[in-house]
Full PDB file with SEQRES, HELIX, SHEET, SSBOND, CRYST1, ORIGX, SCALE, CONECT and MASTER records, all heavy atoms in Angstrom:
SEQRES   1 A   33  THR GLN PRO THR PRO VAL TYR GLU GLN LEU TRP LEU LEU          
SEQRES   2 A   33  VAL MET LEU GLY ILE LEU LEU TYR LEU ILE PRO ARG PHE          
SEQRES   3 A   33  LYS THR ASP GLY LEU ALA PHE                                  
HELIX    1 AA1 THR A    4  LEU A   22  1                                  19    
HELIX    2 AA2 ILE A   23  ARG A   25  5                                   3    
CRYST1    1.000    1.000    1.000  90.00  90.00  90.00 P 1           1          
ORIGX1      1.000000  0.000000  0.000000        0.00000                         
ORIGX2      0.000000  1.000000  0.000000        0.00000                         
ORIGX3      0.000000  0.000000  1.000000        0.00000                         
SCALE1      1.000000  0.000000  0.000000        0.00000                         
SCALE2      0.000000  1.000000  0.000000        0.00000                         
SCALE3      0.000000  0.000000  1.000000        0.00000                         
ATOM      1  N   THR A   1     147.438  75.488  54.276  1.00  0.00           N  
ATOM      2  CA  THR A   1     147.476  76.184  55.682  1.00  0.00           C  
ATOM      3  C   THR A   1     146.401  75.451  56.548  1.00  0.00           C  
ATOM      4  O   THR A   1     145.486  74.794  56.026  1.00  0.00           O  
ATOM      5  CB  THR A   1     147.018  77.694  55.618  1.00  0.00           C  
ATOM      6  OG1 THR A   1     145.784  77.864  54.999  1.00  0.00           O  
ATOM      7  CG2 THR A   1     148.052  78.450  54.756  1.00  0.00           C  
ATOM      8  N   GLN A   2     146.623  75.503  57.880  1.00  0.00           N  
ATOM      9  CA  GLN A   2     145.719  74.916  58.835  1.00  0.00           C  
ATOM     10  C   GLN A   2     144.307  75.627  58.625  1.00  0.00           C  
ATOM     11  O   GLN A   2     144.282  76.868  58.557  1.00  0.00           O  
ATOM     12  CB  GLN A   2     146.196  75.142  60.188  1.00  0.00           C  
ATOM     13  CG  GLN A   2     147.338  74.246  60.583  1.00  0.00           C  
ATOM     14  CD  GLN A   2     147.016  72.862  60.878  1.00  0.00           C  
ATOM     15  OE1 GLN A   2     145.822  72.513  61.021  1.00  0.00           O  
ATOM     16  NE2 GLN A   2     148.042  72.008  61.008  1.00  0.00           N  
ATOM     17  N   PRO A   3     143.289  74.940  58.636  1.00  0.00           N  
ATOM     18  CA  PRO A   3     141.934  75.546  58.529  1.00  0.00           C  
ATOM     19  C   PRO A   3     141.474  76.008  59.785  1.00  0.00           C  
ATOM     20  O   PRO A   3     140.478  75.529  60.428  1.00  0.00           O  
ATOM     21  CB  PRO A   3     141.107  74.381  57.993  1.00  0.00           C  
ATOM     22  CG  PRO A   3     141.674  73.179  58.585  1.00  0.00           C  
ATOM     23  CD  PRO A   3     143.144  73.412  58.651  1.00  0.00           C  
ATOM     24  N   THR A   4     141.948  77.094  60.344  1.00  0.00           N  
ATOM     25  CA  THR A   4     141.541  77.688  61.663  1.00  0.00           C  
ATOM     26  C   THR A   4     140.152  78.057  61.706  1.00  0.00           C  
ATOM     27  O   THR A   4     139.458  78.005  62.754  1.00  0.00           O  
ATOM     28  CB  THR A   4     142.444  78.866  62.141  1.00  0.00           C  
ATOM     29  OG1 THR A   4     142.576  79.684  61.015  1.00  0.00           O  
ATOM     30  CG2 THR A   4     143.893  78.332  62.467  1.00  0.00           C  
ATOM     31  N   PRO A   5     139.493  78.562  60.588  1.00  0.00           N  
ATOM     32  CA  PRO A   5     138.024  78.802  60.711  1.00  0.00           C  
ATOM     33  C   PRO A   5     137.216  77.582  60.975  1.00  0.00           C  
ATOM     34  O   PRO A   5     136.162  77.639  61.654  1.00  0.00           O  
ATOM     35  CB  PRO A   5     137.666  79.415  59.377  1.00  0.00           C  
ATOM     36  CG  PRO A   5     138.871  79.651  58.592  1.00  0.00           C  
ATOM     37  CD  PRO A   5     139.988  78.920  59.225  1.00  0.00           C  
ATOM     38  N   VAL A   6     137.684  76.438  60.518  1.00  0.00           N  
ATOM     39  CA  VAL A   6     136.945  75.188  60.808  1.00  0.00           C  
ATOM     40  C   VAL A   6     137.228  74.848  62.222  1.00  0.00           C  
ATOM     41  O   VAL A   6     136.215  74.340  62.929  1.00  0.00           O  
ATOM     42  CB  VAL A   6     137.414  74.077  59.851  1.00  0.00           C  
ATOM     43  CG1 VAL A   6     136.783  72.751  60.240  1.00  0.00           C  
ATOM     44  CG2 VAL A   6     137.152  74.396  58.408  1.00  0.00           C  
ATOM     45  N   TYR A   7     138.329  75.036  62.741  1.00  0.00           N  
ATOM     46  CA  TYR A   7     138.517  74.757  64.171  1.00  0.00           C  
ATOM     47  C   TYR A   7     137.594  75.587  64.942  1.00  0.00           C  
ATOM     48  O   TYR A   7     137.134  75.157  66.050  1.00  0.00           O  
ATOM     49  CB  TYR A   7     140.018  74.977  64.565  1.00  0.00           C  
ATOM     50  CG  TYR A   7     141.001  74.083  63.834  1.00  0.00           C  
ATOM     51  CD1 TYR A   7     142.300  74.548  63.624  1.00  0.00           C  
ATOM     52  CD2 TYR A   7     140.672  72.950  63.209  1.00  0.00           C  
ATOM     53  CE1 TYR A   7     143.225  73.741  62.965  1.00  0.00           C  
ATOM     54  CE2 TYR A   7     141.524  72.168  62.590  1.00  0.00           C  
ATOM     55  CZ  TYR A   7     142.786  72.574  62.447  1.00  0.00           C  
ATOM     56  OH  TYR A   7     143.765  71.765  61.711  1.00  0.00           O  
ATOM     57  N   GLU A   8     137.554  76.904  64.548  1.00  0.00           N  
ATOM     58  CA  GLU A   8     136.573  77.811  65.337  1.00  0.00           C  
ATOM     59  C   GLU A   8     135.170  77.309  65.259  1.00  0.00           C  
ATOM     60  O   GLU A   8     134.386  77.394  66.184  1.00  0.00           O  
ATOM     61  CB  GLU A   8     136.849  79.219  64.937  1.00  0.00           C  
ATOM     62  CG  GLU A   8     136.041  80.181  65.848  1.00  0.00           C  
ATOM     63  CD  GLU A   8     136.411  81.594  65.668  1.00  0.00           C  
ATOM     64  OE1 GLU A   8     137.456  81.847  64.994  1.00  0.00           O  
ATOM     65  OE2 GLU A   8     135.718  82.472  66.192  1.00  0.00           O  
ATOM     66  N   GLN A   9     134.720  76.913  64.084  1.00  0.00           N  
ATOM     67  CA  GLN A   9     133.423  76.403  63.943  1.00  0.00           C  
ATOM     68  C   GLN A   9     133.111  75.302  64.779  1.00  0.00           C  
ATOM     69  O   GLN A   9     132.029  75.132  65.401  1.00  0.00           O  
ATOM     70  CB  GLN A   9     133.057  75.952  62.457  1.00  0.00           C  
ATOM     71  CG  GLN A   9     132.928  77.180  61.498  1.00  0.00           C  
ATOM     72  CD  GLN A   9     132.757  76.731  60.028  1.00  0.00           C  
ATOM     73  OE1 GLN A   9     133.528  75.782  59.607  1.00  0.00           O  
ATOM     74  NE2 GLN A   9     131.937  77.326  59.336  1.00  0.00           N  
ATOM     75  N   LEU A  10     134.120  74.362  64.991  1.00  0.00           N  
ATOM     76  CA  LEU A  10     133.967  73.217  65.770  1.00  0.00           C  
ATOM     77  C   LEU A  10     133.793  73.609  67.208  1.00  0.00           C  
ATOM     78  O   LEU A  10     133.008  73.113  67.999  1.00  0.00           O  
ATOM     79  CB  LEU A  10     135.120  72.211  65.593  1.00  0.00           C  
ATOM     80  CG  LEU A  10     135.198  71.489  64.239  1.00  0.00           C  
ATOM     81  CD1 LEU A  10     136.464  70.727  64.103  1.00  0.00           C  
ATOM     82  CD2 LEU A  10     133.963  70.555  64.039  1.00  0.00           C  
ATOM     83  N   TRP A  11     134.692  74.618  67.725  1.00  0.00           N  
ATOM     84  CA  TRP A  11     134.535  75.110  68.984  1.00  0.00           C  
ATOM     85  C   TRP A  11     133.232  75.779  69.227  1.00  0.00           C  
ATOM     86  O   TRP A  11     132.667  75.579  70.321  1.00  0.00           O  
ATOM     87  CB  TRP A  11     135.682  76.078  69.271  1.00  0.00           C  
ATOM     88  CG  TRP A  11     135.549  76.748  70.592  1.00  0.00           C  
ATOM     89  CD1 TRP A  11     135.405  78.028  70.910  1.00  0.00           C  
ATOM     90  CD2 TRP A  11     135.478  76.163  71.915  1.00  0.00           C  
ATOM     91  NE1 TRP A  11     135.206  78.309  72.206  1.00  0.00           N  
ATOM     92  CE2 TRP A  11     135.317  77.098  72.848  1.00  0.00           C  
ATOM     93  CE3 TRP A  11     135.644  74.813  72.347  1.00  0.00           C  
ATOM     94  CZ2 TRP A  11     135.247  76.899  74.245  1.00  0.00           C  
ATOM     95  CZ3 TRP A  11     135.582  74.509  73.673  1.00  0.00           C  
ATOM     96  CH2 TRP A  11     135.355  75.511  74.611  1.00  0.00           C  
ATOM     97  N   LEU A  12     132.715  76.486  68.287  1.00  0.00           N  
ATOM     98  CA  LEU A  12     131.463  77.139  68.422  1.00  0.00           C  
ATOM     99  C   LEU A  12     130.327  76.083  68.570  1.00  0.00           C  
ATOM    100  O   LEU A  12     129.344  76.319  69.306  1.00  0.00           O  
ATOM    101  CB  LEU A  12     131.178  78.089  67.274  1.00  0.00           C  
ATOM    102  CG  LEU A  12     132.026  79.331  67.240  1.00  0.00           C  
ATOM    103  CD1 LEU A  12     131.828  79.978  65.863  1.00  0.00           C  
ATOM    104  CD2 LEU A  12     131.497  80.287  68.303  1.00  0.00           C  
ATOM    105  N   LEU A  13     130.473  74.956  67.908  1.00  0.00           N  
ATOM    106  CA  LEU A  13     129.454  73.910  68.024  1.00  0.00           C  
ATOM    107  C   LEU A  13     129.463  73.320  69.378  1.00  0.00           C  
ATOM    108  O   LEU A  13     128.530  72.984  70.080  1.00  0.00           O  
ATOM    109  CB  LEU A  13     129.692  72.746  67.035  1.00  0.00           C  
ATOM    110  CG  LEU A  13     129.251  72.974  65.573  1.00  0.00           C  
ATOM    111  CD1 LEU A  13     129.669  71.938  64.638  1.00  0.00           C  
ATOM    112  CD2 LEU A  13     127.681  73.104  65.517  1.00  0.00           C  
ATOM    113  N   VAL A  14     130.637  73.117  69.882  1.00  0.00           N  
ATOM    114  CA  VAL A  14     130.813  72.623  71.390  1.00  0.00           C  
ATOM    115  C   VAL A  14     130.263  73.616  72.300  1.00  0.00           C  
ATOM    116  O   VAL A  14     129.551  73.319  73.228  1.00  0.00           O  
ATOM    117  CB  VAL A  14     132.298  72.366  71.587  1.00  0.00           C  
ATOM    118  CG1 VAL A  14     132.564  72.102  73.225  1.00  0.00           C  
ATOM    119  CG2 VAL A  14     132.834  71.196  70.809  1.00  0.00           C  
ATOM    120  N   MET A  15     130.520  74.910  72.053  1.00  0.00           N  
ATOM    121  CA  MET A  15     129.868  75.899  72.853  1.00  0.00           C  
ATOM    122  C   MET A  15     128.357  75.829  72.862  1.00  0.00           C  
ATOM    123  O   MET A  15     127.735  76.075  73.990  1.00  0.00           O  
ATOM    124  CB  MET A  15     130.329  77.339  72.337  1.00  0.00           C  
ATOM    125  CG  MET A  15     131.668  77.743  72.822  1.00  0.00           C  
ATOM    126  SD  MET A  15     132.139  79.386  72.099  1.00  0.00           S  
ATOM    127  CE  MET A  15     130.726  80.314  72.508  1.00  0.00           C  
ATOM    128  N   LEU A  16     127.792  75.738  71.677  1.00  0.00           N  
ATOM    129  CA  LEU A  16     126.308  75.630  71.675  1.00  0.00           C  
ATOM    130  C   LEU A  16     125.900  74.457  72.449  1.00  0.00           C  
ATOM    131  O   LEU A  16     124.854  74.562  73.249  1.00  0.00           O  
ATOM    132  CB  LEU A  16     125.898  75.453  70.135  1.00  0.00           C  
ATOM    133  CG  LEU A  16     125.676  76.623  69.271  1.00  0.00           C  
ATOM    134  CD1 LEU A  16     125.432  76.286  67.879  1.00  0.00           C  
ATOM    135  CD2 LEU A  16     124.673  77.567  69.841  1.00  0.00           C  
ATOM    136  N   GLY A  17     126.562  73.279  72.418  1.00  0.00           N  
ATOM    137  CA  GLY A  17     126.061  72.188  73.206  1.00  0.00           C  
ATOM    138  C   GLY A  17     126.225  72.461  74.703  1.00  0.00           C  
ATOM    139  O   GLY A  17     125.346  72.189  75.490  1.00  0.00           O  
ATOM    140  N   ILE A  18     127.355  73.140  75.087  1.00  0.00           N  
ATOM    141  CA  ILE A  18     127.533  73.499  76.593  1.00  0.00           C  
ATOM    142  C   ILE A  18     126.313  74.519  76.981  1.00  0.00           C  
ATOM    143  O   ILE A  18     125.783  74.333  78.076  1.00  0.00           O  
ATOM    144  CB  ILE A  18     128.944  74.094  76.770  1.00  0.00           C  
ATOM    145  CG1 ILE A  18     130.018  73.004  76.578  1.00  0.00           C  
ATOM    146  CG2 ILE A  18     129.083  74.703  78.134  1.00  0.00           C  
ATOM    147  CD1 ILE A  18     131.419  73.588  76.581  1.00  0.00           C  
ATOM    148  N   LEU A  19     126.192  75.566  76.108  1.00  0.00           N  
ATOM    149  CA  LEU A  19     125.143  76.524  76.449  1.00  0.00           C  
ATOM    150  C   LEU A  19     123.739  75.897  76.556  1.00  0.00           C  
ATOM    151  O   LEU A  19     123.034  76.259  77.397  1.00  0.00           O  
ATOM    152  CB  LEU A  19     125.184  77.620  75.544  1.00  0.00           C  
ATOM    153  CG  LEU A  19     126.392  78.558  75.536  1.00  0.00           C  
ATOM    154  CD1 LEU A  19     126.498  79.571  74.421  1.00  0.00           C  
ATOM    155  CD2 LEU A  19     126.453  79.248  76.918  1.00  0.00           C  
ATOM    156  N   LEU A  20     123.516  74.995  75.622  1.00  0.00           N  
ATOM    157  CA  LEU A  20     122.154  74.286  75.631  1.00  0.00           C  
ATOM    158  C   LEU A  20     121.964  73.532  76.916  1.00  0.00           C  
ATOM    159  O   LEU A  20     120.815  73.439  77.405  1.00  0.00           O  
ATOM    160  CB  LEU A  20     122.074  73.401  74.417  1.00  0.00           C  
ATOM    161  CG  LEU A  20     121.625  74.201  73.155  1.00  0.00           C  
ATOM    162  CD1 LEU A  20     121.756  73.179  71.984  1.00  0.00           C  
ATOM    163  CD2 LEU A  20     120.256  74.842  73.199  1.00  0.00           C  
ATOM    164  N   TYR A  21     123.001  72.957  77.442  1.00  0.00           N  
ATOM    165  CA  TYR A  21     122.951  72.246  78.656  1.00  0.00           C  
ATOM    166  C   TYR A  21     122.873  73.211  79.895  1.00  0.00           C  
ATOM    167  O   TYR A  21     122.051  72.964  80.828  1.00  0.00           O  
ATOM    168  CB  TYR A  21     124.224  71.334  78.773  1.00  0.00           C  
ATOM    169  CG  TYR A  21     124.326  70.635  80.183  1.00  0.00           C  
ATOM    170  CD1 TYR A  21     123.532  69.461  80.377  1.00  0.00           C  
ATOM    171  CD2 TYR A  21     125.141  71.138  81.104  1.00  0.00           C  
ATOM    172  CE1 TYR A  21     123.630  68.966  81.571  1.00  0.00           C  
ATOM    173  CE2 TYR A  21     125.196  70.456  82.396  1.00  0.00           C  
ATOM    174  CZ  TYR A  21     124.424  69.365  82.548  1.00  0.00           C  
ATOM    175  OH  TYR A  21     124.470  68.816  83.775  1.00  0.00           O  
ATOM    176  N   LEU A  22     123.610  74.319  79.882  1.00  0.00           N  
ATOM    177  CA  LEU A  22     123.723  75.181  81.022  1.00  0.00           C  
ATOM    178  C   LEU A  22     122.518  76.177  81.255  1.00  0.00           C  
ATOM    179  O   LEU A  22     122.082  76.426  82.285  1.00  0.00           O  
ATOM    180  CB  LEU A  22     124.995  75.994  80.924  1.00  0.00           C  
ATOM    181  CG  LEU A  22     126.261  75.212  81.241  1.00  0.00           C  
ATOM    182  CD1 LEU A  22     127.489  76.265  81.138  1.00  0.00           C  
ATOM    183  CD2 LEU A  22     126.282  74.624  82.664  1.00  0.00           C  
ATOM    184  N   ILE A  23     122.168  76.703  80.048  1.00  0.00           N  
ATOM    185  CA  ILE A  23     121.022  77.826  80.109  1.00  0.00           C  
ATOM    186  C   ILE A  23     119.820  77.491  80.953  1.00  0.00           C  
ATOM    187  O   ILE A  23     119.350  78.265  81.760  1.00  0.00           O  
ATOM    188  CB  ILE A  23     120.745  78.343  78.724  1.00  0.00           C  
ATOM    189  CG1 ILE A  23     121.918  79.137  78.212  1.00  0.00           C  
ATOM    190  CG2 ILE A  23     119.505  79.180  78.775  1.00  0.00           C  
ATOM    191  CD1 ILE A  23     121.863  79.583  76.715  1.00  0.00           C  
ATOM    192  N   PRO A  24     119.242  76.273  80.731  1.00  0.00           N  
ATOM    193  CA  PRO A  24     117.978  75.974  81.540  1.00  0.00           C  
ATOM    194  C   PRO A  24     118.305  75.891  83.047  1.00  0.00           C  
ATOM    195  O   PRO A  24     117.340  76.004  83.837  1.00  0.00           O  
ATOM    196  CB  PRO A  24     117.557  74.564  80.998  1.00  0.00           C  
ATOM    197  CG  PRO A  24     118.145  74.431  79.658  1.00  0.00           C  
ATOM    198  CD  PRO A  24     119.539  75.270  79.752  1.00  0.00           C  
ATOM    199  N   ARG A  25     119.483  75.737  83.417  1.00  0.00           N  
ATOM    200  CA  ARG A  25     119.925  75.547  84.843  1.00  0.00           C  
ATOM    201  C   ARG A  25     120.177  76.944  85.496  1.00  0.00           C  
ATOM    202  O   ARG A  25     120.360  77.004  86.759  1.00  0.00           O  
ATOM    203  CB  ARG A  25     121.091  74.635  84.935  1.00  0.00           C  
ATOM    204  CG  ARG A  25     120.708  73.265  84.602  1.00  0.00           C  
ATOM    205  CD  ARG A  25     121.924  72.353  84.273  1.00  0.00           C  
ATOM    206  NE  ARG A  25     121.598  70.907  83.989  1.00  0.00           N  
ATOM    207  CZ  ARG A  25     120.948  70.510  82.970  1.00  0.00           C  
ATOM    208  NH1 ARG A  25     120.475  71.332  81.999  1.00  0.00           N  
ATOM    209  NH2 ARG A  25     120.672  69.201  82.805  1.00  0.00           N  
ATOM    210  N   PHE A  26     120.367  78.020  84.668  1.00  0.00           N  
ATOM    211  CA  PHE A  26     120.709  79.322  85.281  1.00  0.00           C  
ATOM    212  C   PHE A  26     119.463  79.915  85.886  1.00  0.00           C  
ATOM    213  O   PHE A  26     118.362  79.973  85.421  1.00  0.00           O  
ATOM    214  CB  PHE A  26     121.214  80.217  84.181  1.00  0.00           C  
ATOM    215  CG  PHE A  26     122.589  79.880  83.732  1.00  0.00           C  
ATOM    216  CD1 PHE A  26     122.897  80.146  82.375  1.00  0.00           C  
ATOM    217  CD2 PHE A  26     123.591  79.378  84.540  1.00  0.00           C  
ATOM    218  CE1 PHE A  26     124.214  79.821  81.899  1.00  0.00           C  
ATOM    219  CE2 PHE A  26     124.846  78.992  84.104  1.00  0.00           C  
ATOM    220  CZ  PHE A  26     125.082  79.278  82.748  1.00  0.00           C  
ATOM    221  N   LYS A  27     119.691  80.519  87.140  1.00  0.00           N  
ATOM    222  CA  LYS A  27     118.573  81.151  87.816  1.00  0.00           C  
ATOM    223  C   LYS A  27     118.832  82.641  87.806  1.00  0.00           C  
ATOM    224  O   LYS A  27     117.863  83.436  88.233  1.00  0.00           O  
ATOM    225  CB  LYS A  27     118.516  80.655  89.241  1.00  0.00           C  
ATOM    226  CG  LYS A  27     118.466  79.201  89.472  1.00  0.00           C  
ATOM    227  CD  LYS A  27     117.065  78.677  88.940  1.00  0.00           C  
ATOM    228  CE  LYS A  27     116.925  77.251  89.272  1.00  0.00           C  
ATOM    229  NZ  LYS A  27     116.332  76.457  88.162  1.00  0.00           N  
ATOM    230  N   THR A  28     119.944  83.141  87.364  1.00  0.00           N  
ATOM    231  CA  THR A  28     120.282  84.595  87.396  1.00  0.00           C  
ATOM    232  C   THR A  28     120.371  85.103  86.018  1.00  0.00           C  
ATOM    233  O   THR A  28     120.972  84.483  85.147  1.00  0.00           O  
ATOM    234  CB  THR A  28     121.565  84.786  88.172  1.00  0.00           C  
ATOM    235  OG1 THR A  28     121.429  84.223  89.451  1.00  0.00           O  
ATOM    236  CG2 THR A  28     121.784  86.271  88.345  1.00  0.00           C  
ATOM    237  N   ASP A  29     119.702  86.291  85.781  1.00  0.00           N  
ATOM    238  CA  ASP A  29     119.796  86.894  84.447  1.00  0.00           C  
ATOM    239  C   ASP A  29     121.241  87.350  84.151  1.00  0.00           C  
ATOM    240  O   ASP A  29     121.931  87.853  85.125  1.00  0.00           O  
ATOM    241  CB  ASP A  29     118.867  88.194  84.428  1.00  0.00           C  
ATOM    242  CG  ASP A  29     117.428  87.850  84.454  1.00  0.00           C  
ATOM    243  OD1 ASP A  29     117.119  86.655  84.130  1.00  0.00           O  
ATOM    244  OD2 ASP A  29     116.605  88.689  84.866  1.00  0.00           O  
ATOM    245  N   GLY A  30     121.677  87.196  82.918  1.00  0.00           N  
ATOM    246  CA  GLY A  30     122.900  87.621  82.533  1.00  0.00           C  
ATOM    247  C   GLY A  30     123.923  86.490  82.505  1.00  0.00           C  
ATOM    248  O   GLY A  30     125.019  86.683  81.788  1.00  0.00           O  
ATOM    249  N   LEU A  31     123.687  85.436  83.156  1.00  0.00           N  
ATOM    250  CA  LEU A  31     124.612  84.214  83.208  1.00  0.00           C  
ATOM    251  C   LEU A  31     124.792  83.638  81.819  1.00  0.00           C  
ATOM    252  O   LEU A  31     125.909  83.133  81.444  1.00  0.00           O  
ATOM    253  CB  LEU A  31     124.213  83.296  84.243  1.00  0.00           C  
ATOM    254  CG  LEU A  31     124.514  83.614  85.652  1.00  0.00           C  
ATOM    255  CD1 LEU A  31     124.172  82.555  86.676  1.00  0.00           C  
ATOM    256  CD2 LEU A  31     125.979  84.010  85.885  1.00  0.00           C  
ATOM    257  N   ALA A  32     123.726  83.547  81.061  1.00  0.00           N  
ATOM    258  CA  ALA A  32     123.892  82.859  79.683  1.00  0.00           C  
ATOM    259  C   ALA A  32     124.859  83.640  78.849  1.00  0.00           C  
ATOM    260  O   ALA A  32     125.612  83.071  78.149  1.00  0.00           O  
ATOM    261  CB  ALA A  32     122.496  82.720  79.040  1.00  0.00           C  
ATOM    262  N   PHE A  33     124.616  84.982  78.790  1.00  0.00           N  
ATOM    263  CA  PHE A  33     125.441  85.815  77.911  1.00  0.00           C  
ATOM    264  C   PHE A  33     126.893  85.910  78.508  1.00  0.00           C  
ATOM    265  O   PHE A  33     127.824  85.748  77.700  1.00  0.00           O  
ATOM    266  CB  PHE A  33     124.884  87.214  77.849  1.00  0.00           C  
ATOM    267  CG  PHE A  33     125.694  88.062  76.907  1.00  0.00           C  
ATOM    268  CD1 PHE A  33     125.564  87.983  75.546  1.00  0.00           C  
ATOM    269  CD2 PHE A  33     126.643  89.070  77.404  1.00  0.00           C  
ATOM    270  CE1 PHE A  33     126.247  88.804  74.637  1.00  0.00           C  
ATOM    271  CE2 PHE A  33     127.348  89.938  76.582  1.00  0.00           C  
ATOM    272  CZ  PHE A  33     127.129  89.773  75.231  1.00  0.00           C  
TER     273      PHE A  33                                                      
MASTER        0    0    0    2    0    0    0    6  272    1    0    3          
END                                                                             
């Protein structure tokens, strides 16, 4: 079967990278979440 949990893990790693880039730039509370 397709390893969909691995695909989700990869997406979560991409998300971490995006969030690490964006969070320091946010000026409003709640935007990170």
